[in-house]
N, C-alpha and C. Protein backbone atom coordinates (compact mmCIF):
# COMPACT_ATOMS: atom_id res chain seq x y z
N MET A 1 -14.30 11.11 4.74
CA MET A 1 -12.94 10.69 4.56
C MET A 1 -12.03 11.88 4.79
N THR A 2 -10.97 11.67 5.52
CA THR A 2 -9.97 12.70 5.75
C THR A 2 -8.62 12.19 5.28
N VAL A 3 -8.02 12.93 4.36
CA VAL A 3 -6.69 12.59 3.87
C VAL A 3 -5.76 13.71 4.30
N PRO A 4 -4.64 13.39 4.95
CA PRO A 4 -3.72 14.45 5.37
C PRO A 4 -3.28 15.30 4.18
N LEU A 5 -3.24 16.62 4.38
CA LEU A 5 -2.84 17.51 3.30
C LEU A 5 -1.41 17.25 2.86
N HIS A 6 -0.54 17.00 3.79
CA HIS A 6 0.87 16.72 3.48
C HIS A 6 1.30 15.45 4.20
N PRO A 7 0.85 14.29 3.70
CA PRO A 7 1.23 13.05 4.39
C PRO A 7 2.74 12.87 4.41
N GLN A 8 3.25 12.48 5.54
CA GLN A 8 4.69 12.29 5.70
C GLN A 8 5.09 10.83 5.71
N ARG A 9 4.19 9.96 6.13
CA ARG A 9 4.51 8.54 6.28
C ARG A 9 3.47 7.73 5.51
N ILE A 10 3.76 7.52 4.23
CA ILE A 10 2.85 6.82 3.34
C ILE A 10 3.25 5.35 3.26
N VAL A 11 2.26 4.47 3.34
CA VAL A 11 2.47 3.04 3.10
C VAL A 11 1.72 2.68 1.83
N SER A 12 2.40 1.99 0.93
CA SER A 12 1.83 1.56 -0.34
C SER A 12 1.54 0.07 -0.29
N LEU A 13 0.33 -0.31 -0.69
CA LEU A 13 -0.02 -1.73 -0.70
C LEU A 13 0.09 -2.33 -2.10
N HIS A 14 0.76 -1.64 -3.03
CA HIS A 14 1.05 -2.22 -4.34
C HIS A 14 2.29 -1.57 -4.93
N ASP A 15 3.29 -2.38 -5.22
CA ASP A 15 4.56 -1.84 -5.69
C ASP A 15 4.48 -1.18 -7.06
N LEU A 16 3.97 -1.87 -8.05
CA LEU A 16 3.98 -1.35 -9.41
C LEU A 16 3.00 -0.19 -9.61
N ASP A 17 1.78 -0.34 -9.12
CA ASP A 17 0.74 0.66 -9.37
C ASP A 17 0.79 1.88 -8.45
N ILE A 18 1.38 1.75 -7.27
CA ILE A 18 1.37 2.86 -6.32
C ILE A 18 2.77 3.31 -5.94
N THR A 19 3.63 2.39 -5.54
CA THR A 19 4.96 2.77 -5.06
C THR A 19 5.77 3.48 -6.13
N ILE A 20 5.81 2.94 -7.34
CA ILE A 20 6.61 3.57 -8.40
C ILE A 20 6.11 4.98 -8.71
N PRO A 21 4.79 5.20 -8.89
CA PRO A 21 4.34 6.58 -9.10
C PRO A 21 4.70 7.52 -7.94
N LEU A 22 4.63 7.02 -6.70
CA LEU A 22 5.01 7.87 -5.57
C LEU A 22 6.49 8.24 -5.64
N ILE A 23 7.34 7.27 -5.97
CA ILE A 23 8.77 7.55 -6.12
C ILE A 23 8.99 8.57 -7.23
N GLU A 24 8.29 8.41 -8.35
CA GLU A 24 8.42 9.35 -9.47
C GLU A 24 7.96 10.75 -9.09
N LEU A 25 7.00 10.86 -8.18
CA LEU A 25 6.54 12.17 -7.70
C LEU A 25 7.47 12.76 -6.65
N GLY A 26 8.48 11.98 -6.26
CA GLY A 26 9.42 12.47 -5.24
C GLY A 26 8.94 12.27 -3.82
N VAL A 27 7.97 11.37 -3.64
CA VAL A 27 7.40 11.11 -2.33
C VAL A 27 7.45 9.60 -2.07
N PRO A 28 8.64 9.06 -1.84
CA PRO A 28 8.71 7.61 -1.63
C PRO A 28 7.99 7.20 -0.35
N PRO A 29 7.30 6.08 -0.39
CA PRO A 29 6.63 5.62 0.83
C PRO A 29 7.64 5.14 1.86
N VAL A 30 7.21 5.07 3.12
CA VAL A 30 8.08 4.54 4.17
C VAL A 30 8.08 3.02 4.15
N ALA A 31 7.03 2.43 3.57
CA ALA A 31 6.93 0.98 3.48
C ALA A 31 6.09 0.62 2.27
N SER A 32 6.38 -0.55 1.70
CA SER A 32 5.67 -0.96 0.49
C SER A 32 5.54 -2.47 0.37
N HIS A 33 4.50 -2.86 -0.31
CA HIS A 33 4.32 -4.22 -0.82
C HIS A 33 5.46 -4.45 -1.80
N GLY A 34 5.84 -5.67 -1.99
CA GLY A 34 6.89 -5.98 -2.95
C GLY A 34 6.84 -7.43 -3.39
N ARG A 35 7.91 -7.88 -3.96
CA ARG A 35 8.02 -9.25 -4.46
C ARG A 35 9.21 -9.92 -3.78
N THR A 36 9.24 -11.25 -3.83
CA THR A 36 10.34 -12.01 -3.24
C THR A 36 11.01 -12.86 -4.30
N ARG A 37 12.33 -12.74 -4.38
CA ARG A 37 13.11 -13.55 -5.32
C ARG A 37 13.25 -14.97 -4.77
N PRO A 38 13.64 -15.91 -5.64
CA PRO A 38 13.86 -17.29 -5.17
C PRO A 38 14.88 -17.38 -4.03
N ASP A 39 15.84 -16.43 -3.98
CA ASP A 39 16.85 -16.47 -2.91
C ASP A 39 16.34 -15.85 -1.60
N GLY A 40 15.08 -15.38 -1.58
CA GLY A 40 14.50 -14.81 -0.37
C GLY A 40 14.64 -13.31 -0.24
N SER A 41 15.41 -12.67 -1.11
CA SER A 41 15.54 -11.21 -1.06
C SER A 41 14.29 -10.57 -1.67
N HIS A 42 14.05 -9.33 -1.31
CA HIS A 42 12.83 -8.64 -1.75
C HIS A 42 13.15 -7.54 -2.75
N PHE A 43 12.19 -7.24 -3.62
CA PHE A 43 12.38 -6.18 -4.61
C PHE A 43 11.05 -5.53 -4.96
N LEU A 44 11.13 -4.30 -5.46
CA LEU A 44 9.98 -3.57 -5.97
C LEU A 44 9.91 -3.87 -7.46
N ARG A 45 8.84 -4.48 -7.91
CA ARG A 45 8.73 -4.91 -9.30
C ARG A 45 8.93 -3.74 -10.26
N ALA A 46 9.94 -3.85 -11.12
CA ALA A 46 10.29 -2.89 -12.17
C ALA A 46 10.82 -1.55 -11.65
N SER A 47 10.85 -1.35 -10.36
CA SER A 47 11.27 -0.05 -9.83
C SER A 47 12.74 0.23 -10.08
N ALA A 48 13.61 -0.75 -9.88
CA ALA A 48 15.04 -0.52 -10.09
C ALA A 48 15.30 -0.07 -11.53
N GLN A 49 14.60 -0.68 -12.47
CA GLN A 49 14.77 -0.31 -13.88
C GLN A 49 14.18 1.06 -14.19
N LEU A 50 13.03 1.37 -13.61
CA LEU A 50 12.33 2.62 -13.93
C LEU A 50 12.80 3.82 -13.11
N THR A 51 13.14 3.59 -11.85
CA THR A 51 13.46 4.71 -10.96
C THR A 51 14.84 4.62 -10.32
N GLY A 52 15.45 3.44 -10.37
CA GLY A 52 16.73 3.24 -9.69
C GLY A 52 16.57 2.99 -8.20
N VAL A 53 15.34 2.93 -7.72
CA VAL A 53 15.06 2.76 -6.29
C VAL A 53 14.54 1.34 -6.04
N ASP A 54 15.07 0.71 -4.99
CA ASP A 54 14.61 -0.62 -4.60
C ASP A 54 14.75 -0.73 -3.08
N PHE A 55 14.29 -1.82 -2.51
CA PHE A 55 14.40 -1.99 -1.06
C PHE A 55 15.84 -1.93 -0.58
N ASP A 56 16.76 -2.51 -1.36
CA ASP A 56 18.15 -2.61 -0.90
C ASP A 56 18.94 -1.31 -1.00
N ASN A 57 18.40 -0.29 -1.67
CA ASN A 57 19.15 0.97 -1.76
C ASN A 57 18.31 2.18 -1.32
N SER A 58 17.29 1.92 -0.51
CA SER A 58 16.44 3.02 -0.04
C SER A 58 15.98 2.71 1.39
N ALA A 59 15.26 3.67 1.96
CA ALA A 59 14.72 3.50 3.32
C ALA A 59 13.33 2.86 3.30
N ILE A 60 12.84 2.47 2.13
CA ILE A 60 11.52 1.86 2.02
C ILE A 60 11.56 0.46 2.64
N ARG A 61 10.64 0.21 3.57
CA ARG A 61 10.59 -1.09 4.24
C ARG A 61 9.64 -2.04 3.49
N PHE A 62 10.02 -3.29 3.44
CA PHE A 62 9.21 -4.35 2.83
C PHE A 62 8.13 -4.78 3.83
N ILE A 63 6.86 -4.82 3.37
CA ILE A 63 5.76 -5.21 4.27
C ILE A 63 5.04 -6.47 3.81
N GLY A 64 5.58 -7.14 2.79
CA GLY A 64 4.98 -8.39 2.36
C GLY A 64 4.66 -8.41 0.89
N THR A 65 4.23 -9.59 0.45
CA THR A 65 3.85 -9.78 -0.95
C THR A 65 2.33 -9.77 -1.00
N ALA A 66 1.72 -10.82 -1.51
CA ALA A 66 0.26 -10.88 -1.56
C ALA A 66 -0.34 -10.94 -0.16
N ASP A 67 0.42 -11.43 0.79
CA ASP A 67 -0.05 -11.53 2.16
C ASP A 67 0.65 -10.45 2.98
N ILE A 68 0.08 -9.26 3.00
CA ILE A 68 0.67 -8.11 3.67
C ILE A 68 0.80 -8.38 5.17
N ASP A 69 1.95 -8.02 5.74
CA ASP A 69 2.20 -8.15 7.17
C ASP A 69 1.63 -6.91 7.87
N LEU A 70 0.47 -7.05 8.46
CA LEU A 70 -0.20 -5.90 9.07
C LEU A 70 0.56 -5.35 10.25
N GLU A 71 1.31 -6.18 10.95
CA GLU A 71 2.15 -5.67 12.04
C GLU A 71 3.25 -4.77 11.49
N ALA A 72 3.81 -5.13 10.33
CA ALA A 72 4.83 -4.29 9.70
C ALA A 72 4.23 -2.97 9.23
N VAL A 73 2.99 -3.01 8.73
CA VAL A 73 2.30 -1.78 8.34
C VAL A 73 2.12 -0.88 9.56
N ALA A 74 1.63 -1.44 10.64
CA ALA A 74 1.42 -0.65 11.87
C ALA A 74 2.74 -0.11 12.40
N ALA A 75 3.81 -0.90 12.32
CA ALA A 75 5.13 -0.47 12.81
C ALA A 75 5.68 0.70 12.01
N ALA A 76 5.24 0.84 10.76
CA ALA A 76 5.69 1.96 9.91
C ALA A 76 5.03 3.27 10.33
N LYS A 77 4.03 3.21 11.20
CA LYS A 77 3.31 4.39 11.71
C LYS A 77 2.83 5.31 10.58
N PRO A 78 2.06 4.76 9.63
CA PRO A 78 1.62 5.57 8.50
C PRO A 78 0.58 6.62 8.87
N ASP A 79 0.63 7.75 8.17
CA ASP A 79 -0.48 8.69 8.28
C ASP A 79 -1.36 8.59 7.04
N LEU A 80 -0.94 7.76 6.07
CA LEU A 80 -1.74 7.49 4.88
C LEU A 80 -1.36 6.12 4.35
N ILE A 81 -2.37 5.26 4.15
CA ILE A 81 -2.18 3.95 3.54
C ILE A 81 -2.90 3.98 2.21
N ILE A 82 -2.18 3.71 1.13
CA ILE A 82 -2.79 3.74 -0.20
C ILE A 82 -2.82 2.33 -0.76
N THR A 83 -3.99 1.93 -1.23
CA THR A 83 -4.16 0.63 -1.87
C THR A 83 -4.81 0.82 -3.22
N GLU A 84 -4.77 -0.21 -4.03
CA GLU A 84 -5.42 -0.13 -5.33
C GLU A 84 -6.85 -0.62 -5.19
N ALA A 85 -7.70 -0.16 -6.08
CA ALA A 85 -9.08 -0.64 -6.09
C ALA A 85 -9.05 -2.09 -6.54
N GLN A 86 -9.72 -2.95 -5.81
CA GLN A 86 -9.73 -4.37 -6.15
C GLN A 86 -11.15 -4.87 -6.23
N PRO A 87 -11.48 -5.59 -7.30
CA PRO A 87 -12.81 -6.19 -7.34
C PRO A 87 -12.89 -7.31 -6.31
N PRO A 88 -14.06 -7.62 -5.83
CA PRO A 88 -14.18 -8.73 -4.88
C PRO A 88 -13.62 -10.01 -5.47
N ARG A 89 -12.86 -10.74 -4.67
CA ARG A 89 -12.28 -12.01 -5.12
C ARG A 89 -12.96 -13.19 -4.44
N PHE A 90 -14.08 -12.95 -3.84
CA PHE A 90 -14.72 -14.02 -3.10
C PHE A 90 -16.22 -13.87 -3.25
N GLY A 91 -16.94 -14.97 -3.07
CA GLY A 91 -18.38 -14.95 -3.24
C GLY A 91 -19.08 -14.51 -1.98
N GLY A 92 -20.38 -14.40 -2.09
CA GLY A 92 -21.17 -14.07 -0.92
C GLY A 92 -21.25 -12.57 -0.69
N ALA A 93 -22.25 -12.18 0.05
CA ALA A 93 -22.44 -10.77 0.35
C ALA A 93 -21.45 -10.33 1.41
N ASP A 94 -20.80 -9.23 1.16
CA ASP A 94 -19.88 -8.64 2.13
C ASP A 94 -18.83 -9.62 2.64
N GLY A 95 -18.35 -10.48 1.76
CA GLY A 95 -17.24 -11.36 2.13
C GLY A 95 -17.61 -12.47 3.08
N GLU A 96 -18.85 -12.97 3.00
CA GLU A 96 -19.25 -14.02 3.94
C GLU A 96 -18.35 -15.25 3.84
N ASP A 97 -17.83 -15.54 2.63
CA ASP A 97 -16.93 -16.68 2.50
C ASP A 97 -15.65 -16.45 3.30
N CYS A 98 -15.23 -15.18 3.40
CA CYS A 98 -14.04 -14.87 4.20
C CYS A 98 -14.29 -15.23 5.66
N ALA A 99 -15.48 -14.94 6.12
CA ALA A 99 -15.80 -15.24 7.52
C ALA A 99 -15.76 -16.74 7.78
N ASN A 100 -16.01 -17.53 6.74
CA ASN A 100 -15.96 -18.98 6.88
C ASN A 100 -14.54 -19.52 6.73
N GLY A 101 -13.58 -18.63 6.53
CA GLY A 101 -12.19 -19.05 6.41
C GLY A 101 -11.82 -19.61 5.06
N GLN A 102 -12.69 -19.48 4.07
CA GLN A 102 -12.41 -20.04 2.75
C GLN A 102 -11.49 -19.15 1.94
N HIS A 103 -11.52 -17.86 2.16
CA HIS A 103 -10.70 -16.91 1.42
C HIS A 103 -10.25 -15.81 2.37
N ARG A 104 -9.16 -15.15 2.00
CA ARG A 104 -8.73 -13.97 2.77
C ARG A 104 -9.17 -12.73 2.01
N PRO A 105 -9.62 -11.71 2.70
CA PRO A 105 -9.96 -10.47 2.00
C PRO A 105 -8.69 -9.82 1.47
N PRO A 106 -8.81 -8.96 0.44
CA PRO A 106 -7.65 -8.25 -0.08
C PRO A 106 -6.96 -7.44 1.02
N ALA A 107 -5.68 -7.18 0.81
CA ALA A 107 -4.87 -6.48 1.82
C ALA A 107 -5.49 -5.15 2.23
N GLY A 108 -6.07 -4.43 1.28
CA GLY A 108 -6.67 -3.14 1.60
C GLY A 108 -7.79 -3.27 2.61
N GLN A 109 -8.58 -4.34 2.50
CA GLN A 109 -9.65 -4.55 3.47
C GLN A 109 -9.07 -4.92 4.83
N ARG A 110 -8.02 -5.72 4.85
CA ARG A 110 -7.41 -6.10 6.13
C ARG A 110 -6.74 -4.89 6.76
N ALA A 111 -6.07 -4.05 5.96
CA ALA A 111 -5.40 -2.87 6.50
C ALA A 111 -6.40 -1.86 7.03
N ALA A 112 -7.63 -1.92 6.55
CA ALA A 112 -8.65 -0.98 7.00
C ALA A 112 -8.92 -1.10 8.49
N HIS A 113 -8.56 -2.21 9.08
CA HIS A 113 -8.80 -2.41 10.51
C HIS A 113 -7.69 -1.84 11.38
N LEU A 114 -6.61 -1.34 10.76
CA LEU A 114 -5.55 -0.71 11.54
C LEU A 114 -6.06 0.64 12.04
N PRO A 115 -5.68 1.03 13.25
CA PRO A 115 -6.16 2.31 13.80
C PRO A 115 -5.81 3.50 12.92
N GLN A 116 -4.67 3.46 12.23
CA GLN A 116 -4.24 4.59 11.42
C GLN A 116 -5.03 4.72 10.12
N ALA A 117 -5.74 3.69 9.71
CA ALA A 117 -6.32 3.66 8.37
C ALA A 117 -7.43 4.68 8.17
N GLY A 118 -8.20 4.99 9.20
CA GLY A 118 -9.29 5.94 9.04
C GLY A 118 -10.25 5.48 7.96
N ALA A 119 -10.84 6.43 7.26
CA ALA A 119 -11.80 6.09 6.21
C ALA A 119 -11.17 6.04 4.83
N ALA A 120 -9.92 6.43 4.69
CA ALA A 120 -9.30 6.53 3.37
C ALA A 120 -9.26 5.21 2.64
N HIS A 121 -9.24 4.09 3.36
CA HIS A 121 -9.17 2.79 2.70
C HIS A 121 -10.37 2.52 1.81
N ARG A 122 -11.50 3.15 2.10
CA ARG A 122 -12.70 2.90 1.32
C ARG A 122 -12.66 3.62 -0.03
N TYR A 123 -11.81 4.60 -0.14
CA TYR A 123 -11.75 5.41 -1.34
C TYR A 123 -10.31 5.55 -1.82
N PRO A 124 -9.65 4.44 -2.18
CA PRO A 124 -8.22 4.52 -2.51
C PRO A 124 -7.92 5.46 -3.68
N ALA A 125 -8.75 5.46 -4.71
CA ALA A 125 -8.48 6.33 -5.85
C ALA A 125 -8.62 7.79 -5.44
N ALA A 126 -9.64 8.10 -4.65
CA ALA A 126 -9.83 9.47 -4.18
C ALA A 126 -8.68 9.89 -3.29
N ALA A 127 -8.21 8.98 -2.45
CA ALA A 127 -7.09 9.30 -1.56
C ALA A 127 -5.84 9.60 -2.36
N LEU A 128 -5.57 8.79 -3.38
CA LEU A 128 -4.38 9.01 -4.20
C LEU A 128 -4.51 10.31 -4.98
N LYS A 129 -5.69 10.57 -5.55
CA LYS A 129 -5.90 11.79 -6.31
C LYS A 129 -5.72 13.02 -5.41
N SER A 130 -6.31 12.99 -4.23
CA SER A 130 -6.19 14.10 -3.29
C SER A 130 -4.75 14.29 -2.87
N SER A 131 -4.07 13.19 -2.60
CA SER A 131 -2.67 13.25 -2.17
C SER A 131 -1.80 13.82 -3.29
N ASN A 132 -2.01 13.35 -4.51
CA ASN A 132 -1.22 13.85 -5.64
C ASN A 132 -1.47 15.34 -5.87
N ALA A 133 -2.71 15.78 -5.71
CA ALA A 133 -3.02 17.20 -5.88
C ALA A 133 -2.28 18.03 -4.83
N ALA A 134 -2.25 17.54 -3.59
CA ALA A 134 -1.54 18.26 -2.52
C ALA A 134 -0.04 18.31 -2.80
N ILE A 135 0.50 17.23 -3.30
CA ILE A 135 1.93 17.20 -3.61
C ILE A 135 2.26 18.18 -4.73
N ARG A 136 1.42 18.24 -5.73
CA ARG A 136 1.67 19.15 -6.86
C ARG A 136 1.58 20.62 -6.45
N ARG A 137 0.77 20.92 -5.41
CA ARG A 137 0.63 22.31 -4.96
C ARG A 137 1.86 22.80 -4.20
N ARG A 138 2.71 21.89 -3.74
CA ARG A 138 3.88 22.29 -2.95
C ARG A 138 4.84 23.11 -3.74
């Protein structure tokens, strides 16, 4: 696994668990997962209250809710994609039910097929820990 020492274009696949900590560290992602209000507008869950940062007052791009828009992720040209560790949500070995179209794999697994993803998607906690350590050394 190779994680850039000083990632410049981070994409977060979870607003509450990843995006908010990145904002608090002073390293806002270029794009993030988020939520959608009934009126169709998008927001970062609890971020406006905790950090004052949201989609409507920052350069962070919305890339989807539970169904991440992989084209939007690719368009953000990330050098690091961070996802949360997710237990399997489907039966069968290695997602065989997904192959049958019964379930969709988690966003992190789908993002792993993007050319920019490299091997970091397999070790999201290690990627975040390594990234945070590099940020703290600055």
